[in-house]
C-alpha cells in the first residue's frame, strides 16, 4: 500500500441517521461525506456491507454471501430519484430516526419499496430503457457470483429458511437439471434478487463517486471467513473443508489465551486451500477485486488466518482441542497482486493483526508492505515503555485507532472499562489532567500526532459519546450492531457548526494528514 499520512473516521452505513429504520446510501451518507471533507479526513471506514440476518444478531460479520450487498442500505430517496417509486411511497414509510437501528422495520420497508420499484420497472419499459440496459450489463458482468446468490436466496425462501444441507438432495447437491427447472419456475423471484443487487451496487458506486469528488476514499472490511449456510459454500463446496454430507469437518476459531481459557469457537467452515491453489485462487481473487471495485482500501479481518488457522474438530464444543494448520495466503496474495499488475507496496489492504502475532505473519505483512493496526486503548496497561501500541513504539507503516468497533468508546473506557493503572498511565503519557470531558479529544490528538501513516477515529470518539454508544460487545450475543448517530449529532459535525469541523481540519493540517489546496 503506497504511503502518505492521512486520517479517517470509522462509521458503519447502518449508523447513519435517517427515516427508514437504518442508515443508508442516501442524503445522510452524502452529508457525512461533506463532514469528512470539511474536517480534513480522507478515509471513511465502514464495516462489511454484505447482507445481515436476525439469527446472527444482524452482525455484518455473519452473512449469507461474501459478494452480495445488504439491501437495507438501499436509499428510499435514491429509488425516488430514479423514478422507480414516488415521494408519497417513501414518505408514507418514514418513521423517526432513533438511537438504535430497527432492522426488522427496515427490512419490511425496503422489501415493500423494492417490490414496488421492481413492479414499476417492469410495467414501464420505455421509461426505464436506459436503466434496463444498465441492469442487463450488471447481470452479465456480475453473473459469476450473482446468479448463484439469487438462486440460493430463492431456494432458501422456498425451503422455509432451512440450511442448504437440509434442502431436497437435488438442490443441496446442485443437480444441473433440477436447478435449471427451478430457475425456470422462479424466474421473476430470481430476477428480483438480481435487481435488488443492481440497485445496491448502483447506489454504492454513486456514493463512492460522491466521496471521491471530495477527496474521500471508502475503506471496506473483509471478514476472513464466510458462513456455512451461505451462497458461497453452497455454490462451491469443493473450496471448503466439508464432510460428505456438506457439513464442516472442522471449524474456525482461535485458541485459548489470557482472555478466554476455552478460546473462541467461531464455527465457520475452513478453506480447502489446496483446491483453491488448483485454480489460481480464483475465488479469493474475485472476492478482493469485487470489494476493491467500490472501496479504495480494505481492512482484512483476522489477517493471521492467511498464514495459519486454528482448526477445531466440528464435534468439539469449545476451541480448546484444536491445532494450527498452514494456510496459503502468501500464494494467494502473490496471485492477486500479479493479476492486478501491482507492486507489493501498492496492495490496498490493511491487516488486522491484533492479538498474538507470530513471525510468519509479520514477515507476510512486511513482504507485502501491509500496515497493521495499533489501538491506543491497549497501550496503557502494565509496562507502557515496551507496549507495542504506545505511540512511541508505533511504526510508520501502521494504522492507529483510538478504538475499533469491538472496543468501548474513549469515554466509556475512561469511565469504566479501563483499570486504575491504565488511567494513571494514560494521563501521565498525555502530560495533562484527563477528564470525562476531554479524554476523547486527548486520545484523538495522540492518534493524529503519531507517526502512523493512517489514523482512524470512531465517530463516537469525535463526538465524545459514552460507552452506551459502542457498536459491539464481543462477549454478548445480543444487543449489538444497532447504534446510530442522532440527526442532531450529524448536524453538529457539518461545516458551520460552531467551528467544530474547522478545528478537526486544523489538527489534520497540523499533523500533516491533510493539505489545503489553494
Protein backbone atom coordinates (compact mmCIF):
# COMPACT_ATOMS: atom_id res chain seq x y z
CA UNK A 1 0.00 0.00 0.00
CA UNK A 2 1.50 3.32 -1.05
CA UNK A 3 2.43 5.61 1.82
CA UNK A 4 1.07 9.04 2.73
CA UNK A 5 -0.11 10.50 6.00
CA UNK A 6 -3.87 10.61 6.16
CA UNK A 7 -6.75 10.16 8.56
CA UNK A 8 -10.26 8.85 8.59
CA UNK A 9 -13.41 8.16 10.58
CA UNK A 10 -14.99 4.80 11.36
CA UNK A 11 -18.76 4.83 10.95
CA UNK A 12 -20.81 1.99 9.50
CA UNK A 13 -23.55 2.80 6.99
CA UNK A 14 -26.20 1.41 9.35
CA UNK A 15 -25.14 4.00 11.97
CA UNK A 16 -26.14 6.98 9.85
CA UNK A 17 -29.37 8.75 10.80
CA UNK A 18 -32.40 8.56 8.53
CA UNK A 19 -36.10 7.90 8.50
CA UNK A 20 -36.30 4.29 7.33
CA UNK A 21 -35.00 2.15 10.20
CA UNK A 22 -31.26 2.03 9.47
CA UNK A 23 -28.72 4.30 7.82
CA UNK A 24 -28.44 4.02 4.05
CA UNK A 25 -26.68 5.39 0.96
CA UNK A 26 -28.92 8.46 0.77
CA UNK A 27 -28.68 12.05 1.96
CA UNK A 28 -27.29 11.09 5.39
CA UNK A 29 -24.31 9.39 3.75
CA UNK A 30 -23.66 12.37 1.50
CA UNK A 31 -23.84 14.75 4.44
CA UNK A 32 -21.35 12.62 6.35
CA UNK A 33 -19.01 12.74 3.35
CA UNK A 34 -19.37 16.53 3.42
CA UNK A 35 -18.30 16.49 7.07
CA UNK A 36 -15.24 14.38 6.26
CA UNK A 37 -14.19 16.80 3.53
CA UNK A 38 -14.74 19.83 5.75
CA UNK A 39 -12.80 18.31 8.64
CA UNK A 40 -9.82 17.25 6.54
CA UNK A 41 -10.42 13.48 6.74
CA UNK A 42 -9.73 11.50 3.57
CA UNK A 43 -10.86 8.00 4.62
CA UNK A 44 -14.33 6.75 5.55
CA UNK A 45 -14.09 3.30 7.09
CA UNK A 46 -17.19 1.12 7.14
CA UNK A 47 -17.89 -2.42 8.34
CA UNK A 48 -18.75 -5.26 5.90
CA UNK A 49 -21.53 -4.22 3.51
CA UNK A 50 -22.89 -7.74 2.98
CA UNK A 51 -26.42 -8.87 3.99
CA UNK A 52 -27.18 -9.48 7.68
CA UNK A 53 -29.50 -11.98 9.35
CA UNK A 54 -31.55 -11.70 12.57
CA UNK A 55 -30.44 -15.20 13.63
CA UNK A 56 -26.88 -13.86 13.90
CA UNK A 57 -27.92 -10.67 15.67
CA UNK A 58 -27.63 -8.67 12.42
CA UNK A 59 -23.84 -8.92 12.63
CA UNK A 60 -22.13 -7.73 9.43
CA UNK A 61 -19.52 -10.45 10.06
CA UNK A 62 -22.03 -13.32 9.61
CA UNK A 63 -23.55 -13.07 6.15
CA UNK A 64 -25.19 -15.42 3.63
CA UNK A 65 -22.86 -14.04 0.97
CA UNK A 66 -19.33 -12.69 0.66
CA UNK A 67 -20.29 -10.84 -2.53
CA UNK A 68 -23.86 -9.57 -2.21
CA UNK A 69 -24.78 -6.20 -0.74
CA UNK A 70 -27.11 -5.51 2.17
CA UNK A 71 -30.50 -4.36 0.74
CA UNK A 72 -31.18 -2.43 3.96
CA UNK A 73 -28.62 0.14 2.80
CA UNK A 74 -30.58 0.94 -0.34
CA UNK A 75 -31.79 4.51 -0.05
CA UNK A 76 -35.54 5.12 -0.48
CA UNK A 77 -34.60 8.64 -1.59
CA UNK A 78 -32.40 7.11 -4.28
CA UNK A 79 -35.26 4.95 -5.55
CA UNK A 80 -37.38 8.08 -5.76
CA UNK A 81 -34.64 10.00 -7.62
CA UNK A 82 -34.50 7.18 -10.20
CA UNK A 83 -38.28 7.48 -10.67
CA UNK A 84 -38.81 3.90 -9.50
CA UNK A 85 -41.10 4.96 -6.65
CA UNK A 86 -42.88 8.19 -5.78
CA UNK A 87 -42.24 10.66 -2.99
CA UNK A 88 -45.55 9.60 -1.45
CA UNK A 89 -44.35 5.98 -1.48
CA UNK A 90 -41.30 6.78 0.62
CA UNK A 91 -42.80 9.41 2.94
CA UNK A 92 -45.59 7.00 3.83
CA UNK A 93 -42.94 4.66 5.25
CA UNK A 94 -40.92 7.23 7.22
CA UNK A 95 -40.58 6.83 10.96
CA UNK A 96 -38.42 8.75 13.46
CA UNK A 97 -34.66 8.24 13.33
CA UNK A 98 -33.74 6.73 16.69
CA UNK A 99 -30.54 5.88 18.55
CA UNK A 100 -30.94 2.17 17.76
CA UNK A 101 -31.45 0.67 14.34
CA UNK A 102 -34.74 -1.16 13.77
CA UNK A 103 -33.58 -3.91 11.43
CA UNK A 104 -36.95 -5.67 11.25
CA UNK A 105 -38.83 -2.49 10.31
CA UNK A 106 -36.10 -1.53 7.85
CA UNK A 107 -36.37 -4.94 6.16
CA UNK A 108 -40.14 -4.59 5.75
CA UNK A 109 -39.74 -1.07 4.42
CA UNK A 110 -37.03 -1.94 1.88
CA UNK A 111 -38.82 -5.10 0.79
CA UNK A 112 -42.01 -3.17 0.11
CA UNK A 113 -40.31 -0.32 -1.71
CA UNK A 114 -38.08 -2.60 -3.78
CA UNK A 115 -41.05 -4.77 -4.75
CA UNK A 116 -42.88 -1.66 -5.87
CA UNK A 117 -39.79 -0.44 -7.74
CA UNK A 118 -39.50 -3.83 -9.49
CA UNK A 119 -43.17 -3.71 -10.45
CA UNK A 120 -42.82 -0.18 -11.90
CA UNK A 121 -39.57 -1.09 -13.64
CA UNK A 122 -41.28 -3.94 -15.49
CA UNK A 123 -44.54 -2.11 -16.15
CA UNK A 124 -42.88 0.91 -17.78
CA UNK A 125 -40.18 -0.46 -20.12
CA UNK A 126 -39.93 2.71 -22.20
CA UNK A 127 -39.48 4.96 -19.16
CA UNK A 128 -36.65 2.82 -17.84
CA UNK A 129 -34.96 1.80 -21.09
CA UNK A 130 -31.55 3.18 -20.05
CA UNK A 131 -31.83 1.74 -16.56
CA UNK A 132 -32.73 -1.64 -18.06
CA UNK A 133 -29.61 -1.57 -20.22
CA UNK A 134 -27.53 -0.86 -17.13
CA UNK A 135 -29.29 -3.68 -15.30
CA UNK A 136 -28.57 -6.18 -18.07
CA UNK A 137 -24.92 -5.10 -18.16
CA UNK A 138 -24.71 -5.57 -14.40
CA UNK A 139 -26.24 -9.05 -14.63
CA UNK A 140 -23.77 -10.05 -17.32
CA UNK A 141 -20.69 -8.62 -15.59
CA UNK A 142 -21.54 -10.00 -12.14
CA UNK A 143 -23.06 -13.32 -13.21
CA UNK A 144 -20.08 -15.23 -11.80
CA UNK A 145 -21.47 -14.70 -8.28
CA UNK A 146 -24.87 -13.05 -8.78
CA UNK A 147 -26.73 -15.96 -10.35
CA UNK A 148 -25.77 -18.39 -7.60
CA UNK A 149 -26.64 -15.86 -4.90
CA UNK A 150 -30.08 -15.23 -6.41
CA UNK A 151 -30.73 -18.97 -6.77
CA UNK A 152 -29.59 -19.58 -3.21
CA UNK A 153 -31.84 -16.80 -1.88
CA UNK A 154 -34.99 -18.10 -3.58
CA UNK A 155 -34.22 -21.75 -2.76
CA UNK A 156 -33.77 -20.81 0.89
CA UNK A 157 -37.05 -18.92 0.85
CA UNK A 158 -38.90 -21.83 -0.78
CA UNK A 159 -37.40 -24.24 1.76
CA UNK A 160 -38.60 -22.35 4.80
CA UNK A 161 -35.26 -20.73 5.57
CA UNK A 162 -33.59 -24.07 6.35
CA UNK A 163 -29.85 -24.57 5.92
CA UNK A 164 -28.93 -25.67 2.39
CA UNK A 165 -27.83 -29.13 3.59
CA UNK A 166 -31.46 -29.75 4.62
CA UNK A 167 -32.90 -28.99 1.18
CA UNK A 168 -34.01 -31.76 -1.15
CA UNK A 169 -30.92 -33.59 -2.37
CA UNK A 170 -31.21 -32.39 -5.96
CA UNK A 171 -30.87 -28.81 -4.75
CA UNK A 172 -28.31 -29.25 -1.98
CA UNK A 173 -26.13 -31.28 -4.38
CA UNK A 174 -26.71 -28.77 -7.22
CA UNK A 175 -28.07 -31.21 -9.78
CA UNK A 176 -27.96 -29.25 -13.04
CA UNK A 177 -31.33 -30.32 -14.39
CA UNK A 178 -33.12 -29.67 -11.10
CA UNK A 179 -31.61 -26.19 -10.75
CA UNK A 180 -32.50 -25.33 -14.34
CA UNK A 181 -36.11 -26.40 -13.79
CA UNK A 182 -36.30 -24.45 -10.52
CA UNK A 183 -34.83 -21.34 -12.16
CA UNK A 184 -37.40 -21.57 -14.98
CA UNK A 185 -40.27 -21.82 -12.49
CA UNK A 186 -38.98 -18.98 -10.30
CA UNK A 187 -37.57 -16.62 -12.90
CA UNK A 188 -39.28 -13.49 -11.59
CA UNK A 189 -38.13 -14.06 -7.99
CA UNK A 190 -34.55 -14.69 -9.12
CA UNK A 191 -34.59 -11.59 -11.32
CA UNK A 192 -35.95 -9.54 -8.40
CA UNK A 193 -32.98 -10.57 -6.23
CA UNK A 194 -30.64 -9.61 -9.08
CA UNK A 195 -32.43 -6.28 -9.49
CA UNK A 196 -32.06 -5.59 -5.77
CA UNK A 197 -28.32 -6.20 -6.01
CA UNK A 198 -28.14 -3.97 -9.08
CA UNK A 199 -29.76 -1.11 -7.17
CA UNK A 200 -27.49 -1.68 -4.15
CA UNK A 201 -24.29 -1.52 -6.17
CA UNK A 202 -25.57 1.34 -8.31
CA UNK A 203 -26.15 3.39 -5.15
CA UNK A 204 -22.84 2.30 -3.58
CA UNK A 205 -20.99 3.33 -6.74
CA UNK A 206 -22.74 6.72 -6.65
CA UNK A 207 -21.72 7.22 -3.01
CA UNK A 208 -18.12 6.19 -3.74
CA UNK A 209 -18.06 8.72 -6.59
CA UNK A 210 -19.54 11.45 -4.37
CA UNK A 211 -16.84 10.75 -1.77
CA UNK A 212 -14.06 10.69 -4.37
CA UNK A 213 -15.11 14.12 -5.65
CA UNK A 214 -14.49 15.34 -2.10
CA UNK A 215 -11.14 13.61 -1.75
CA UNK A 216 -12.53 10.84 0.45
CA UNK A 217 -11.78 7.13 -0.05
CA UNK A 218 -14.17 4.45 1.17
CA UNK A 219 -12.41 1.78 3.23
CA UNK A 220 -14.20 -1.55 3.47
CA UNK A 221 -13.84 -4.55 5.76
CA UNK A 222 -13.26 -8.12 4.63
CA UNK A 223 -14.11 -10.92 7.12
CA UNK A 224 -11.55 -13.71 6.77
CA UNK A 225 -14.19 -16.49 6.78
CA UNK A 226 -17.66 -16.98 5.34
CA UNK A 227 -20.76 -18.52 6.92
CA UNK A 228 -21.50 -22.20 6.39
CA UNK A 229 -25.12 -21.53 5.43
CA UNK A 230 -24.15 -19.21 2.61
CA UNK A 231 -24.32 -18.97 -1.14
CA UNK A 232 -20.52 -19.16 -1.17
CA UNK A 233 -20.31 -22.61 0.42
CA UNK A 234 -23.41 -23.99 -1.35
CA UNK A 235 -22.20 -22.88 -4.79
CA UNK A 236 -18.57 -24.06 -4.42
CA UNK A 237 -18.41 -26.75 -1.70
CA UNK A 238 -15.11 -28.13 -3.02
CA UNK A 239 -13.38 -24.93 -1.89
CA UNK A 240 -14.25 -25.64 1.75
CA UNK A 241 -13.32 -28.36 4.22
CA UNK A 242 -16.63 -30.26 4.35
CA UNK A 243 -17.65 -33.84 5.00
CA UNK A 244 -19.64 -35.97 2.56
CA UNK A 245 -22.94 -34.51 3.84
CA UNK A 246 -21.79 -30.93 3.27
CA UNK A 247 -21.24 -30.14 6.96
CA UNK A 248 -17.93 -28.61 8.13
CA UNK A 249 -15.39 -31.28 9.04
CA UNK A 250 -13.57 -28.72 11.20
CA UNK A 251 -14.41 -25.13 12.06
CA UNK A 252 -12.60 -21.84 12.59
CA UNK A 253 -11.72 -20.09 15.81
CA UNK A 254 -8.77 -19.06 17.95
CA UNK A 255 -7.04 -20.99 20.75
CA UNK A 256 -7.30 -20.36 24.49
CA UNK A 257 -5.49 -17.28 25.73
CA UNK A 258 -5.31 -14.90 28.67
CA UNK A 259 -8.79 -13.57 27.90
CA UNK A 260 -10.56 -16.88 27.26
CA UNK A 261 -9.48 -20.20 28.83
CA UNK A 262 -11.53 -22.13 26.26
CA UNK A 263 -10.64 -19.99 23.23
CA UNK A 264 -13.19 -18.83 20.68
CA UNK A 265 -15.12 -21.30 18.53
CA UNK A 266 -16.50 -19.25 15.64
CA UNK A 267 -17.98 -22.18 13.73
CA UNK A 268 -17.18 -21.01 10.18
CA UNK A 269 -16.10 -23.66 7.69
CA UNK A 270 -12.40 -23.66 6.85
CA UNK A 271 -10.97 -23.25 3.37
CA UNK A 272 -9.66 -26.12 1.28
CA UNK A 273 -6.51 -24.23 0.38
CA UNK A 274 -5.19 -26.93 -1.95
CA UNK A 275 -8.38 -26.78 -4.03
CA UNK A 276 -8.08 -23.01 -4.15
CA UNK A 277 -4.48 -23.27 -5.30
CA UNK A 278 -5.55 -25.55 -8.17
CA UNK A 279 -7.40 -22.74 -9.97
CA UNK A 280 -5.02 -19.96 -9.02
CA UNK A 281 -7.11 -18.80 -6.04
CA UNK A 282 -9.86 -17.58 -8.38
CA UNK A 283 -12.42 -17.29 -5.58
CA UNK A 284 -10.16 -15.09 -3.44
CA UNK A 285 -9.00 -13.00 -6.38
CA UNK A 286 -12.61 -12.43 -7.38
CA UNK A 287 -13.58 -11.52 -3.85
CA UNK A 288 -10.80 -8.97 -3.40
CA UNK A 289 -11.34 -7.44 -6.85
CA UNK A 290 -15.10 -7.22 -6.24
CA UNK A 291 -14.58 -5.42 -2.92
CA UNK A 292 -11.98 -3.01 -4.26
CA UNK A 293 -14.24 -2.03 -7.15
CA UNK A 294 -16.11 0.23 -4.73
CA UNK A 295 -13.67 0.70 -1.83
CA UNK A 296 -10.19 2.05 -2.40
CA UNK A 297 -8.91 0.35 0.76
CA UNK A 298 -9.86 -2.89 2.53
CA UNK A 299 -9.18 -4.00 6.08
CA UNK A 300 -8.64 -7.79 6.21
CA UNK A 301 -10.14 -9.11 9.44
CA UNK A 302 -8.13 -11.81 11.30
CA UNK A 303 -5.27 -11.43 8.83
CA UNK A 304 -3.22 -14.06 10.59
CA UNK A 305 -5.62 -16.66 9.19
CA UNK A 306 -3.89 -16.18 5.84
CA UNK A 307 -0.68 -17.61 7.36
CA UNK A 308 -2.09 -20.28 9.65
CA UNK A 309 -5.51 -21.08 11.07
CA UNK A 310 -6.75 -22.75 14.24
CA UNK A 311 -8.53 -25.95 13.17
CA UNK A 312 -11.19 -27.18 15.61
CA UNK A 313 -12.95 -30.52 15.06
CA UNK A 314 -16.61 -29.71 14.42
CA UNK A 315 -17.65 -32.08 17.21
CA UNK A 316 -15.76 -30.05 19.82
CA UNK A 317 -17.91 -27.63 21.84
CA UNK A 318 -15.01 -25.24 22.54
CA UNK A 319 -11.80 -24.16 20.80
CA UNK A 320 -9.52 -25.92 23.29
CA UNK A 321 -8.80 -29.09 21.33
CA UNK A 322 -7.67 -27.56 18.09
CA UNK A 323 -4.38 -27.26 16.26
CA UNK A 324 -2.59 -24.85 13.93
CA UNK A 325 -2.62 -25.59 10.21
CA UNK A 326 -0.73 -23.70 7.46
CA UNK A 327 -2.69 -21.51 5.04
CA UNK A 328 -1.69 -20.44 1.54
CA UNK A 329 -2.37 -16.74 1.96
CA UNK A 330 1.06 -15.74 0.69
CA UNK A 331 0.50 -17.54 -2.63
CA UNK A 332 -2.99 -16.08 -2.84
CA UNK A 333 -1.76 -12.51 -2.34
CA UNK A 334 1.01 -13.06 -4.88
CA UNK A 335 -1.58 -14.26 -7.41
CA UNK A 336 -3.85 -11.31 -6.68
CA UNK A 337 -1.30 -8.55 -6.98
CA UNK A 338 0.24 -10.16 -10.08
CA UNK A 339 -3.22 -10.24 -11.70
CA UNK A 340 -3.72 -6.54 -10.99
CA UNK A 341 -0.22 -5.60 -12.12
CA UNK A 342 0.65 -4.06 -8.75
CA UNK A 343 3.87 -3.97 -6.83
CA UNK A 344 3.68 -5.35 -3.30
CA UNK A 345 3.80 -1.78 -1.95
CA UNK A 346 0.64 -0.88 -3.85
CA UNK A 347 -1.62 -3.59 -2.43
CA UNK A 348 -4.52 -1.55 -0.95
CA UNK A 349 -5.02 -3.69 2.16
CA UNK A 350 -4.69 -3.15 5.90
CA UNK A 351 -4.01 -6.19 8.07
CA UNK A 352 -5.99 -6.66 11.27
CA UNK A 353 -3.11 -8.05 13.32
CA UNK A 354 -4.40 -7.54 16.86
CA UNK A 355 -3.66 -10.17 19.49
CA UNK A 356 -0.79 -12.67 19.48
CA UNK A 357 1.03 -12.37 16.16
CA UNK A 358 3.80 -14.73 15.09
CA UNK A 359 6.90 -14.11 12.99
CA UNK A 360 5.38 -15.62 9.84
CA UNK A 361 2.51 -13.13 9.98
CA UNK A 362 4.93 -10.24 10.47
CA UNK A 363 7.00 -11.47 7.54
CA UNK A 364 3.94 -11.68 5.27
CA UNK A 365 2.90 -8.15 6.21
CA UNK A 366 6.46 -6.89 5.69
CA UNK A 367 6.86 -8.56 2.31
CA UNK A 368 3.63 -7.01 1.03
CA UNK A 369 4.21 -3.72 2.85
CA UNK A 370 0.85 -4.01 4.63
CA UNK A 371 0.07 -1.70 7.56
CA UNK A 372 -1.01 -3.37 10.78
CA UNK A 373 -3.40 -1.96 13.38
CA UNK A 374 -2.46 -0.21 16.62
CA UNK A 375 -5.19 0.52 19.16
CA UNK A 376 -4.38 3.20 21.73
CA UNK A 377 -6.73 1.72 24.34
CA UNK A 378 -4.38 -1.28 24.52
CA UNK A 379 -1.29 0.87 25.17
CA UNK A 380 -1.50 1.84 28.82
CA UNK A 381 -1.71 -1.33 30.88
CA UNK A 382 1.46 -2.66 32.50
CA UNK A 383 4.81 -1.54 31.09
CA UNK A 384 3.99 1.32 28.74
CA UNK A 385 7.64 1.76 27.75
CA UNK A 386 7.67 -1.54 25.85
CA UNK A 387 3.99 -1.73 24.88
CA UNK A 388 3.76 -2.09 21.06
CA UNK A 389 0.58 0.00 20.99
CA UNK A 390 2.12 3.01 22.77
CA UNK A 391 2.62 5.89 20.34
CA UNK A 392 6.41 5.97 20.78
CA UNK A 393 6.61 2.31 19.66
CA UNK A 394 4.26 2.57 16.67
CA UNK A 395 5.93 2.10 13.29
CA UNK A 396 5.07 4.48 10.44
CA UNK A 397 3.67 1.60 8.38
CA UNK A 398 0.63 1.34 10.65
CA UNK A 399 -3.00 2.34 11.05
CA UNK A 400 -3.57 3.72 14.53
CA UNK A 401 -7.03 3.74 16.12
CA UNK A 402 -8.31 5.21 19.33
CA UNK A 403 -10.59 2.16 19.38
CA UNK A 404 -12.40 -0.17 16.97
CA UNK A 405 -15.99 -1.36 16.56
CA UNK A 406 -15.23 -4.08 19.14
CA UNK A 407 -13.94 -1.64 21.79
CA UNK A 408 -15.57 0.71 24.23
CA UNK A 409 -15.68 4.39 23.34
CA UNK A 410 -12.87 6.53 24.73
CA UNK A 411 -15.26 7.99 27.33
CA UNK A 412 -16.60 4.54 28.22
CA UNK A 413 -13.04 3.24 28.54
CA UNK A 414 -12.05 6.11 30.81
CA UNK A 415 -15.14 5.85 33.00
CA UNK A 416 -15.44 2.10 33.36
CA UNK A 417 -13.66 -0.47 31.23
CA UNK A 418 -10.11 0.76 31.90
CA UNK A 419 -8.16 -0.08 35.06
CA UNK A 420 -6.85 2.45 37.55
CA UNK A 421 -3.32 1.74 36.32
CA UNK A 422 -4.34 2.39 32.70
CA UNK A 423 -5.90 5.73 33.61
CA UNK A 424 -2.82 6.80 35.59
CA UNK A 425 -0.51 5.79 32.74
CA UNK A 426 -2.67 7.50 30.12
CA UNK A 427 -2.76 10.81 32.00
CA UNK A 428 0.99 10.64 32.61
CA UNK A 429 1.62 9.91 28.94
CA UNK A 430 -0.66 12.75 27.86
CA UNK A 431 1.11 15.11 30.27
CA UNK A 432 -2.11 16.73 31.37
CA UNK A 433 -5.16 16.23 33.51
CA UNK A 434 -7.62 13.91 31.79
CA UNK A 435 -11.35 14.02 32.46
CA UNK A 436 -14.54 12.58 31.05
CA UNK A 437 -14.93 15.82 29.10
CA UNK A 438 -11.55 15.78 27.36
CA UNK A 439 -10.46 12.13 27.16
CA UNK A 440 -11.79 11.67 23.61
CA UNK A 441 -10.02 14.79 22.42
CA UNK A 442 -6.74 13.86 24.14
CA UNK A 443 -6.76 10.37 22.63
CA UNK A 444 -7.68 11.73 19.19
CA UNK A 445 -4.76 14.18 19.33
CA UNK A 446 -2.48 11.31 20.31
CA UNK A 447 -3.59 9.24 17.29
CA UNK A 448 -3.38 12.11 14.80
CA UNK A 449 0.05 13.19 16.09
CA UNK A 450 1.52 9.68 15.91
CA UNK A 451 3.93 8.58 13.18
CA UNK A 452 1.37 6.05 11.89
CA UNK A 453 0.60 6.76 8.24
CA UNK A 454 -3.13 6.26 8.84
CA UNK A 455 -5.09 7.44 11.88
CA UNK A 456 -8.73 6.42 12.31
CA UNK A 457 -11.18 7.81 14.86
CA UNK A 458 -14.55 6.17 15.53
CA UNK A 459 -17.36 8.72 15.13
CA UNK A 460 -18.31 8.12 18.77
CA UNK A 461 -14.92 9.43 19.88
CA UNK A 462 -15.15 12.51 17.69
CA UNK A 463 -18.43 13.33 19.43
CA UNK A 464 -17.23 12.31 22.92
CA UNK A 465 -20.00 9.74 23.41
CA UNK A 466 -20.04 7.32 26.33
CA UNK A 467 -19.98 3.53 26.49
CA UNK A 468 -23.70 3.19 25.82
CA UNK A 469 -22.87 4.14 22.22
CA UNK A 470 -20.34 1.40 21.45
CA UNK A 471 -21.04 -0.71 18.38
CA UNK A 472 -20.26 -4.21 19.60
CA UNK A 473 -19.61 -6.07 22.84
CA UNK A 474 -17.93 -9.30 21.69
CA UNK A 475 -18.79 -11.19 24.87
CA UNK A 476 -22.53 -10.50 24.49
CA UNK A 477 -24.64 -12.35 21.93
CA UNK A 478 -27.47 -9.81 21.74
CA UNK A 479 -27.87 -6.05 21.64
CA UNK A 480 -25.02 -5.30 19.25
CA UNK A 481 -24.61 -3.56 15.87
CA UNK A 482 -27.61 -1.25 16.29
CA UNK A 483 -26.03 2.04 17.39
CA UNK A 484 -26.81 5.10 15.25
CA UNK A 485 -25.97 8.77 15.16
CA UNK A 486 -28.86 11.00 16.09
CA UNK A 487 -29.83 13.57 13.43
CA UNK A 488 -28.68 16.43 15.67
CA UNK A 489 -25.29 14.78 16.11
CA UNK A 490 -24.74 14.62 12.38
CA UNK A 491 -25.88 18.25 12.11
CA UNK A 492 -23.26 19.20 14.71
CA UNK A 493 -20.50 17.76 12.50
CA UNK A 494 -21.33 19.73 9.37
CA UNK A 495 -19.36 22.81 8.26
CA UNK A 496 -20.50 25.93 10.05
CA UNK A 497 -21.49 24.04 13.22
CA UNK A 498 -19.73 26.17 15.85
CA UNK A 499 -16.39 25.71 14.13
CA UNK A 500 -16.14 22.02 15.05
CA UNK A 501 -15.14 20.67 11.61
CA UNK A 502 -12.69 23.55 11.24
CA UNK A 503 -10.95 22.53 14.49
CA UNK A 504 -10.57 18.97 13.24
CA UNK A 505 -9.34 20.28 9.90
CA UNK A 506 -6.71 22.35 11.71
CA UNK A 507 -5.49 19.26 13.57
CA UNK A 508 -5.28 17.23 10.36
CA UNK A 509 -3.27 20.04 8.77
CA UNK A 510 -1.08 20.49 11.86
CA UNK A 511 -0.15 16.80 11.93
CA UNK A 512 0.45 16.54 8.19
CA UNK A 513 -2.61 14.44 7.37
CA UNK A 514 -4.33 16.96 5.13
CA UNK A 515 -3.04 19.64 2.79
CA UNK A 516 -5.25 22.52 1.77
CA UNK A 517 -5.48 23.25 -1.95
CA UNK A 518 -5.27 26.93 -2.79
